[in-house]
PDB file of all heavy atoms in Angstrom:
ATOM      1  N   VAL A   1       4.366 -17.474 -43.026  1.00  0.00           N
ATOM      2  CA  VAL A   1       4.850 -18.875 -42.938  1.00  0.00           C
ATOM      3  C   VAL A   1       3.831 -19.840 -43.608  1.00  0.00           C
ATOM      4  O   VAL A   1       4.220 -20.771 -44.308  1.00  0.00           O
ATOM      5  CB  VAL A   1       5.174 -19.302 -41.409  1.00  0.00           C
ATOM      6  CG1 VAL A   1       5.466 -20.767 -41.395  1.00  0.00           C
ATOM      7  CG2 VAL A   1       6.262 -18.460 -40.891  1.00  0.00           C
ATOM      8  N   ALA A   2       2.609 -19.737 -43.339  1.00  0.00           N
ATOM      9  CA  ALA A   2       1.544 -20.586 -43.915  1.00  0.00           C
ATOM     10  C   ALA A   2       1.480 -20.498 -45.474  1.00  0.00           C
ATOM     11  O   ALA A   2       1.394 -21.506 -46.117  1.00  0.00           O
ATOM     12  CB  ALA A   2       0.178 -20.324 -43.244  1.00  0.00           C
ATOM     13  N   GLU A   3       1.594 -19.270 -45.927  1.00  0.00           N
ATOM     14  CA  GLU A   3       1.662 -19.096 -47.306  1.00  0.00           C
ATOM     15  C   GLU A   3       2.883 -19.676 -48.006  1.00  0.00           C
ATOM     16  O   GLU A   3       2.745 -20.150 -49.146  1.00  0.00           O
ATOM     17  CB  GLU A   3       1.645 -17.565 -47.680  1.00  0.00           C
ATOM     18  CG  GLU A   3       0.289 -16.935 -47.370  1.00  0.00           C
ATOM     19  CD  GLU A   3       0.255 -15.417 -47.552  1.00  0.00           C
ATOM     20  OE1 GLU A   3       1.310 -14.906 -48.028  1.00  0.00           O
ATOM     21  OE2 GLU A   3      -0.746 -14.733 -47.210  1.00  0.00           O
ATOM     22  N   ARG A   4       3.885 -19.867 -47.309  1.00  0.00           N
ATOM     23  CA  ARG A   4       5.163 -20.583 -47.864  1.00  0.00           C
ATOM     24  C   ARG A   4       5.013 -22.047 -47.856  1.00  0.00           C
ATOM     25  O   ARG A   4       5.888 -22.775 -48.287  1.00  0.00           O
ATOM     26  CB  ARG A   4       6.408 -20.065 -47.148  1.00  0.00           C
ATOM     27  CG  ARG A   4       6.699 -18.614 -47.491  1.00  0.00           C
ATOM     28  CD  ARG A   4       7.921 -18.050 -46.700  1.00  0.00           C
ATOM     29  NE  ARG A   4       8.961 -18.993 -46.315  1.00  0.00           N
ATOM     30  CZ  ARG A   4       9.730 -18.910 -45.277  1.00  0.00           C
ATOM     31  NH1 ARG A   4       9.576 -17.782 -44.424  1.00  0.00           N
ATOM     32  NH2 ARG A   4      10.651 -19.690 -44.978  1.00  0.00           N
ATOM     33  N   GLY A   5       3.982 -22.547 -47.223  1.00  0.00           N
ATOM     34  CA  GLY A   5       3.683 -23.953 -47.132  1.00  0.00           C
ATOM     35  C   GLY A   5       4.442 -24.680 -46.138  1.00  0.00           C
ATOM     36  O   GLY A   5       4.550 -25.949 -46.191  1.00  0.00           O
ATOM     37  N   LEU A   6       4.980 -24.017 -45.147  1.00  0.00           N
ATOM     38  CA  LEU A   6       5.771 -24.607 -44.063  1.00  0.00           C
ATOM     39  C   LEU A   6       4.779 -25.337 -43.060  1.00  0.00           C
ATOM     40  O   LEU A   6       3.674 -24.994 -42.937  1.00  0.00           O
ATOM     41  CB  LEU A   6       6.650 -23.648 -43.341  1.00  0.00           C
ATOM     42  CG  LEU A   6       7.668 -22.982 -44.286  1.00  0.00           C
ATOM     43  CD1 LEU A   6       8.445 -21.890 -43.501  1.00  0.00           C
ATOM     44  CD2 LEU A   6       8.640 -23.998 -44.903  1.00  0.00           C
ATOM     45  N   ASN A   7       5.339 -26.281 -42.367  1.00  0.00           N
ATOM     46  CA  ASN A   7       4.521 -27.058 -41.442  1.00  0.00           C
ATOM     47  C   ASN A   7       4.167 -26.298 -40.085  1.00  0.00           C
ATOM     48  O   ASN A   7       4.687 -25.221 -39.883  1.00  0.00           O
ATOM     49  CB  ASN A   7       5.208 -28.489 -41.061  1.00  0.00           C
ATOM     50  CG  ASN A   7       6.465 -28.252 -40.321  1.00  0.00           C
ATOM     51  OD1 ASN A   7       6.662 -27.345 -39.550  1.00  0.00           O
ATOM     52  ND2 ASN A   7       7.420 -29.193 -40.536  1.00  0.00           N
ATOM     53  N   PHE A   8       3.315 -26.923 -39.295  1.00  0.00           N
ATOM     54  CA  PHE A   8       2.793 -26.246 -38.120  1.00  0.00           C
ATOM     55  C   PHE A   8       4.021 -25.948 -37.128  1.00  0.00           C
ATOM     56  O   PHE A   8       3.987 -24.929 -36.491  1.00  0.00           O
ATOM     57  CB  PHE A   8       1.776 -27.154 -37.396  1.00  0.00           C
ATOM     58  CG  PHE A   8       1.063 -26.371 -36.351  1.00  0.00           C
ATOM     59  CD1 PHE A   8       0.132 -25.431 -36.645  1.00  0.00           C
ATOM     60  CD2 PHE A   8       1.238 -26.756 -34.999  1.00  0.00           C
ATOM     61  CE1 PHE A   8      -0.499 -24.737 -35.597  1.00  0.00           C
ATOM     62  CE2 PHE A   8       0.636 -26.095 -33.934  1.00  0.00           C
ATOM     63  CZ  PHE A   8      -0.224 -25.099 -34.266  1.00  0.00           C
ATOM     64  N   GLY A   9       4.937 -26.904 -37.030  1.00  0.00           N
ATOM     65  CA  GLY A   9       6.065 -26.622 -36.114  1.00  0.00           C
ATOM     66  C   GLY A   9       6.831 -25.382 -36.490  1.00  0.00           C
ATOM     67  O   GLY A   9       7.284 -24.611 -35.628  1.00  0.00           O
ATOM     68  N   ARG A  10       7.110 -25.229 -37.802  1.00  0.00           N
ATOM     69  CA  ARG A  10       7.898 -24.037 -38.248  1.00  0.00           C
ATOM     70  C   ARG A  10       6.997 -22.754 -37.972  1.00  0.00           C
ATOM     71  O   ARG A  10       7.560 -21.707 -37.607  1.00  0.00           O
ATOM     72  CB  ARG A  10       8.165 -24.145 -39.768  1.00  0.00           C
ATOM     73  CG  ARG A  10       9.044 -25.328 -40.147  1.00  0.00           C
ATOM     74  CD  ARG A  10      10.515 -25.263 -39.611  1.00  0.00           C
ATOM     75  NE  ARG A  10      11.316 -24.319 -40.288  1.00  0.00           N
ATOM     76  CZ  ARG A  10      11.905 -24.466 -41.425  1.00  0.00           C
ATOM     77  NH1 ARG A  10      11.821 -25.552 -42.136  1.00  0.00           N
ATOM     78  NH2 ARG A  10      12.682 -23.516 -41.961  1.00  0.00           N
ATOM     79  N   LEU A  11       5.721 -22.851 -38.239  1.00  0.00           N
ATOM     80  CA  LEU A  11       4.789 -21.766 -38.003  1.00  0.00           C
ATOM     81  C   LEU A  11       4.886 -21.316 -36.535  1.00  0.00           C
ATOM     82  O   LEU A  11       5.029 -20.151 -36.249  1.00  0.00           O
ATOM     83  CB  LEU A  11       3.377 -22.166 -38.420  1.00  0.00           C
ATOM     84  CG  LEU A  11       2.299 -21.014 -38.265  1.00  0.00           C
ATOM     85  CD1 LEU A  11       1.453 -21.045 -39.426  1.00  0.00           C
ATOM     86  CD2 LEU A  11       1.470 -21.210 -37.043  1.00  0.00           C
ATOM     87  N   VAL A  12       4.760 -22.256 -35.633  1.00  0.00           N
ATOM     88  CA  VAL A  12       4.749 -21.965 -34.182  1.00  0.00           C
ATOM     89  C   VAL A  12       6.131 -21.356 -33.753  1.00  0.00           C
ATOM     90  O   VAL A  12       6.140 -20.338 -33.035  1.00  0.00           O
ATOM     91  CB  VAL A  12       4.421 -23.192 -33.313  1.00  0.00           C
ATOM     92  CG1 VAL A  12       4.677 -22.990 -31.863  1.00  0.00           C
ATOM     93  CG2 VAL A  12       2.973 -23.616 -33.666  1.00  0.00           C
ATOM     94  N   ALA A  13       7.178 -21.914 -34.291  1.00  0.00           N
ATOM     95  CA  ALA A  13       8.525 -21.326 -34.060  1.00  0.00           C
ATOM     96  C   ALA A  13       8.605 -19.863 -34.417  1.00  0.00           C
ATOM     97  O   ALA A  13       9.189 -19.055 -33.745  1.00  0.00           O
ATOM     98  CB  ALA A  13       9.570 -22.211 -34.682  1.00  0.00           C
ATOM     99  N   ALA A  14       8.133 -19.621 -35.613  1.00  0.00           N
ATOM    100  CA  ALA A  14       8.213 -18.259 -36.096  1.00  0.00           C
ATOM    101  C   ALA A  14       7.309 -17.256 -35.309  1.00  0.00           C
ATOM    102  O   ALA A  14       7.699 -16.160 -35.010  1.00  0.00           O
ATOM    103  CB  ALA A  14       7.684 -18.210 -37.668  1.00  0.00           C
ATOM    104  N   ILE A  15       6.182 -17.795 -34.877  1.00  0.00           N
ATOM    105  CA  ILE A  15       5.255 -17.011 -34.060  1.00  0.00           C
ATOM    106  C   ILE A  15       5.967 -16.667 -32.692  1.00  0.00           C
ATOM    107  O   ILE A  15       6.001 -15.485 -32.283  1.00  0.00           O
ATOM    108  CB  ILE A  15       3.912 -17.708 -33.775  1.00  0.00           C
ATOM    109  CG1 ILE A  15       3.095 -17.778 -34.959  1.00  0.00           C
ATOM    110  CG2 ILE A  15       3.203 -17.077 -32.614  1.00  0.00           C
ATOM    111  CD1 ILE A  15       1.914 -18.667 -34.846  1.00  0.00           C
ATOM    112  N   ILE A  16       6.587 -17.567 -32.138  1.00  0.00           N
ATOM    113  CA  ILE A  16       7.260 -17.422 -30.817  1.00  0.00           C
ATOM    114  C   ILE A  16       8.455 -16.445 -30.917  1.00  0.00           C
ATOM    115  O   ILE A  16       8.570 -15.522 -30.141  1.00  0.00           O
ATOM    116  CB  ILE A  16       7.773 -18.759 -30.244  1.00  0.00           C
ATOM    117  CG1 ILE A  16       6.496 -19.594 -29.805  1.00  0.00           C
ATOM    118  CG2 ILE A  16       8.672 -18.502 -29.133  1.00  0.00           C
ATOM    119  CD1 ILE A  16       6.857 -20.979 -29.513  1.00  0.00           C
ATOM    120  N   ILE A  17       9.146 -16.583 -32.029  1.00  0.00           N
ATOM    121  CA  ILE A  17      10.330 -15.581 -32.239  1.00  0.00           C
ATOM    122  C   ILE A  17       9.798 -14.255 -32.483  1.00  0.00           C
ATOM    123  O   ILE A  17      10.360 -13.331 -31.849  1.00  0.00           O
ATOM    124  CB  ILE A  17      11.175 -16.126 -33.399  1.00  0.00           C
ATOM    125  CG1 ILE A  17      11.926 -17.400 -33.072  1.00  0.00           C
ATOM    126  CG2 ILE A  17      12.145 -14.937 -33.884  1.00  0.00           C
ATOM    127  CD1 ILE A  17      12.580 -18.076 -34.273  1.00  0.00           C
ATOM    128  N   ARG A  18       8.736 -14.118 -33.273  1.00  0.00           N
ATOM    129  CA  ARG A  18       8.254 -12.693 -33.474  1.00  0.00           C
ATOM    130  C   ARG A  18       7.621 -12.181 -32.161  1.00  0.00           C
ATOM    131  O   ARG A  18       7.790 -11.011 -31.926  1.00  0.00           O
ATOM    132  CB  ARG A  18       7.139 -12.755 -34.584  1.00  0.00           C
ATOM    133  CG  ARG A  18       6.554 -11.429 -34.828  1.00  0.00           C
ATOM    134  CD  ARG A  18       7.379 -10.445 -35.602  1.00  0.00           C
ATOM    135  NE  ARG A  18       7.813 -10.910 -36.843  1.00  0.00           N
ATOM    136  CZ  ARG A  18       7.206 -10.765 -38.054  1.00  0.00           C
ATOM    137  NH1 ARG A  18       6.131 -10.039 -38.144  1.00  0.00           N
ATOM    138  NH2 ARG A  18       7.706 -11.246 -39.127  1.00  0.00           N
ATOM    139  N   ALA A  19       6.910 -13.030 -31.498  1.00  0.00           N
ATOM    140  CA  ALA A  19       6.357 -12.507 -30.154  1.00  0.00           C
ATOM    141  C   ALA A  19       7.448 -11.990 -29.160  1.00  0.00           C
ATOM    142  O   ALA A  19       7.324 -11.018 -28.620  1.00  0.00           O
ATOM    143  CB  ALA A  19       5.590 -13.680 -29.504  1.00  0.00           C
ATOM    144  N   GLU A  20       8.455 -12.783 -29.105  1.00  0.00           N
ATOM    145  CA  GLU A  20       9.637 -12.426 -28.182  1.00  0.00           C
ATOM    146  C   GLU A  20      10.200 -11.165 -28.617  1.00  0.00           C
ATOM    147  O   GLU A  20      10.452 -10.261 -27.694  1.00  0.00           O
ATOM    148  CB  GLU A  20      10.703 -13.557 -28.154  1.00  0.00           C
ATOM    149  CG  GLU A  20      10.209 -14.758 -27.480  1.00  0.00           C
ATOM    150  CD  GLU A  20      11.211 -15.965 -27.592  1.00  0.00           C
ATOM    151  OE1 GLU A  20      12.098 -15.919 -28.439  1.00  0.00           O
ATOM    152  OE2 GLU A  20      11.072 -16.900 -26.741  1.00  0.00           O
ATOM    153  N   LYS A  21      10.421 -11.012 -29.905  1.00  0.00           N
ATOM    154  CA  LYS A  21      11.047  -9.696 -30.390  1.00  0.00           C
ATOM    155  C   LYS A  21      10.082  -8.522 -30.151  1.00  0.00           C
ATOM    156  O   LYS A  21      10.552  -7.424 -29.844  1.00  0.00           O
ATOM    157  CB  LYS A  21      11.382  -9.817 -31.815  1.00  0.00           C
ATOM    158  CG  LYS A  21      12.616 -10.732 -32.070  1.00  0.00           C
ATOM    159  CD  LYS A  21      12.909 -10.885 -33.565  1.00  0.00           C
ATOM    160  CE  LYS A  21      14.124 -11.793 -33.807  1.00  0.00           C
ATOM    161  NZ  LYS A  21      14.506 -11.988 -35.176  1.00  0.00           N
ATOM    162  N   THR A  22       8.806  -8.791 -30.358  1.00  0.00           N
ATOM    163  CA  THR A  22       7.836  -7.668 -30.100  1.00  0.00           C
ATOM    164  C   THR A  22       7.772  -7.315 -28.641  1.00  0.00           C
ATOM    165  O   THR A  22       7.666  -6.083 -28.416  1.00  0.00           O
ATOM    166  CB  THR A  22       6.412  -8.137 -30.705  1.00  0.00           C
ATOM    167  OG1 THR A  22       6.630  -8.528 -32.089  1.00  0.00           O
ATOM    168  CG2 THR A  22       5.424  -6.958 -30.648  1.00  0.00           C
ATOM    169  N   VAL A  23       7.740  -8.262 -27.830  1.00  0.00           N
ATOM    170  CA  VAL A  23       7.719  -7.990 -26.429  1.00  0.00           C
ATOM    171  C   VAL A  23       8.872  -7.131 -25.984  1.00  0.00           C
ATOM    172  O   VAL A  23       8.756  -6.132 -25.261  1.00  0.00           O
ATOM    173  CB  VAL A  23       7.580  -9.292 -25.534  1.00  0.00           C
ATOM    174  CG1 VAL A  23       7.844  -8.981 -24.109  1.00  0.00           C
ATOM    175  CG2 VAL A  23       6.267  -9.929 -25.698  1.00  0.00           C
ATOM    176  N   GLU A  24       9.985  -7.491 -26.554  1.00  0.00           N
ATOM    177  CA  GLU A  24      11.269  -6.711 -26.142  1.00  0.00           C
ATOM    178  C   GLU A  24      11.122  -5.215 -26.697  1.00  0.00           C
ATOM    179  O   GLU A  24      11.836  -4.395 -26.117  1.00  0.00           O
ATOM    180  CB  GLU A  24      12.455  -7.405 -26.649  1.00  0.00           C
ATOM    181  CG  GLU A  24      12.785  -8.707 -25.972  1.00  0.00           C
ATOM    182  CD  GLU A  24      12.850  -8.523 -24.438  1.00  0.00           C
ATOM    183  OE1 GLU A  24      13.541  -7.612 -23.975  1.00  0.00           O
ATOM    184  OE2 GLU A  24      12.245  -9.422 -23.685  1.00  0.00           O
ATOM    185  N   LYS A  25      10.415  -5.078 -27.731  1.00  0.00           N
ATOM    186  CA  LYS A  25      10.295  -3.674 -28.250  1.00  0.00           C
ATOM    187  C   LYS A  25       9.243  -2.825 -27.595  1.00  0.00           C
ATOM    188  O   LYS A  25       9.111  -1.690 -27.840  1.00  0.00           O
ATOM    189  CB  LYS A  25       9.899  -3.837 -29.743  1.00  0.00           C
ATOM    190  CG  LYS A  25      11.017  -4.314 -30.642  1.00  0.00           C
ATOM    191  CD  LYS A  25      10.588  -4.329 -32.059  1.00  0.00           C
ATOM    192  CE  LYS A  25      11.538  -5.046 -33.018  1.00  0.00           C
ATOM    193  NZ  LYS A  25      11.123  -5.213 -34.351  1.00  0.00           N
ATOM    194  N   THR A  26       8.366  -3.462 -26.711  1.00  0.00           N
ATOM    195  CA  THR A  26       7.295  -2.719 -26.109  1.00  0.00           C
ATOM    196  C   THR A  26       7.715  -1.428 -25.414  1.00  0.00           C
ATOM    197  O   THR A  26       7.009  -0.412 -25.473  1.00  0.00           O
ATOM    198  CB  THR A  26       6.340  -3.545 -25.266  1.00  0.00           C
ATOM    199  OG1 THR A  26       7.134  -4.108 -24.196  1.00  0.00           O
ATOM    200  CG2 THR A  26       5.695  -4.632 -26.092  1.00  0.00           C
ATOM    201  N   PRO A  27       8.825  -1.426 -24.695  1.00  0.00           N
ATOM    202  CA  PRO A  27       9.287  -0.174 -24.055  1.00  0.00           C
ATOM    203  C   PRO A  27       9.599   0.968 -25.008  1.00  0.00           C
ATOM    204  O   PRO A  27       9.505   2.146 -24.725  1.00  0.00           O
ATOM    205  CB  PRO A  27      10.525  -0.571 -23.283  1.00  0.00           C
ATOM    206  CG  PRO A  27      10.465  -2.066 -23.132  1.00  0.00           C
ATOM    207  CD  PRO A  27       9.754  -2.521 -24.323  1.00  0.00           C
ATOM    208  N   GLU A  28       9.983   0.610 -26.269  1.00  0.00           N
ATOM    209  CA  GLU A  28      10.152   1.648 -27.251  1.00  0.00           C
ATOM    210  C   GLU A  28       8.885   2.177 -27.801  1.00  0.00           C
ATOM    211  O   GLU A  28       8.928   3.324 -28.319  1.00  0.00           O
ATOM    212  CB  GLU A  28      11.023   1.087 -28.382  1.00  0.00           C
ATOM    213  CG  GLU A  28      12.386   0.523 -27.988  1.00  0.00           C
ATOM    214  CD  GLU A  28      13.275   1.529 -27.200  1.00  0.00           C
ATOM    215  OE1 GLU A  28      13.235   2.730 -27.546  1.00  0.00           O
ATOM    216  OE2 GLU A  28      13.807   1.116 -26.160  1.00  0.00           O
TER     217      GLU A  28
END
């Protein structure tokens, strides 16, 4: 996200989405 030049709000949103998806995959 940072390399694409997006702002901090977009970066945080992307981090949260990825974290949520990763947590849901932990049982796998």
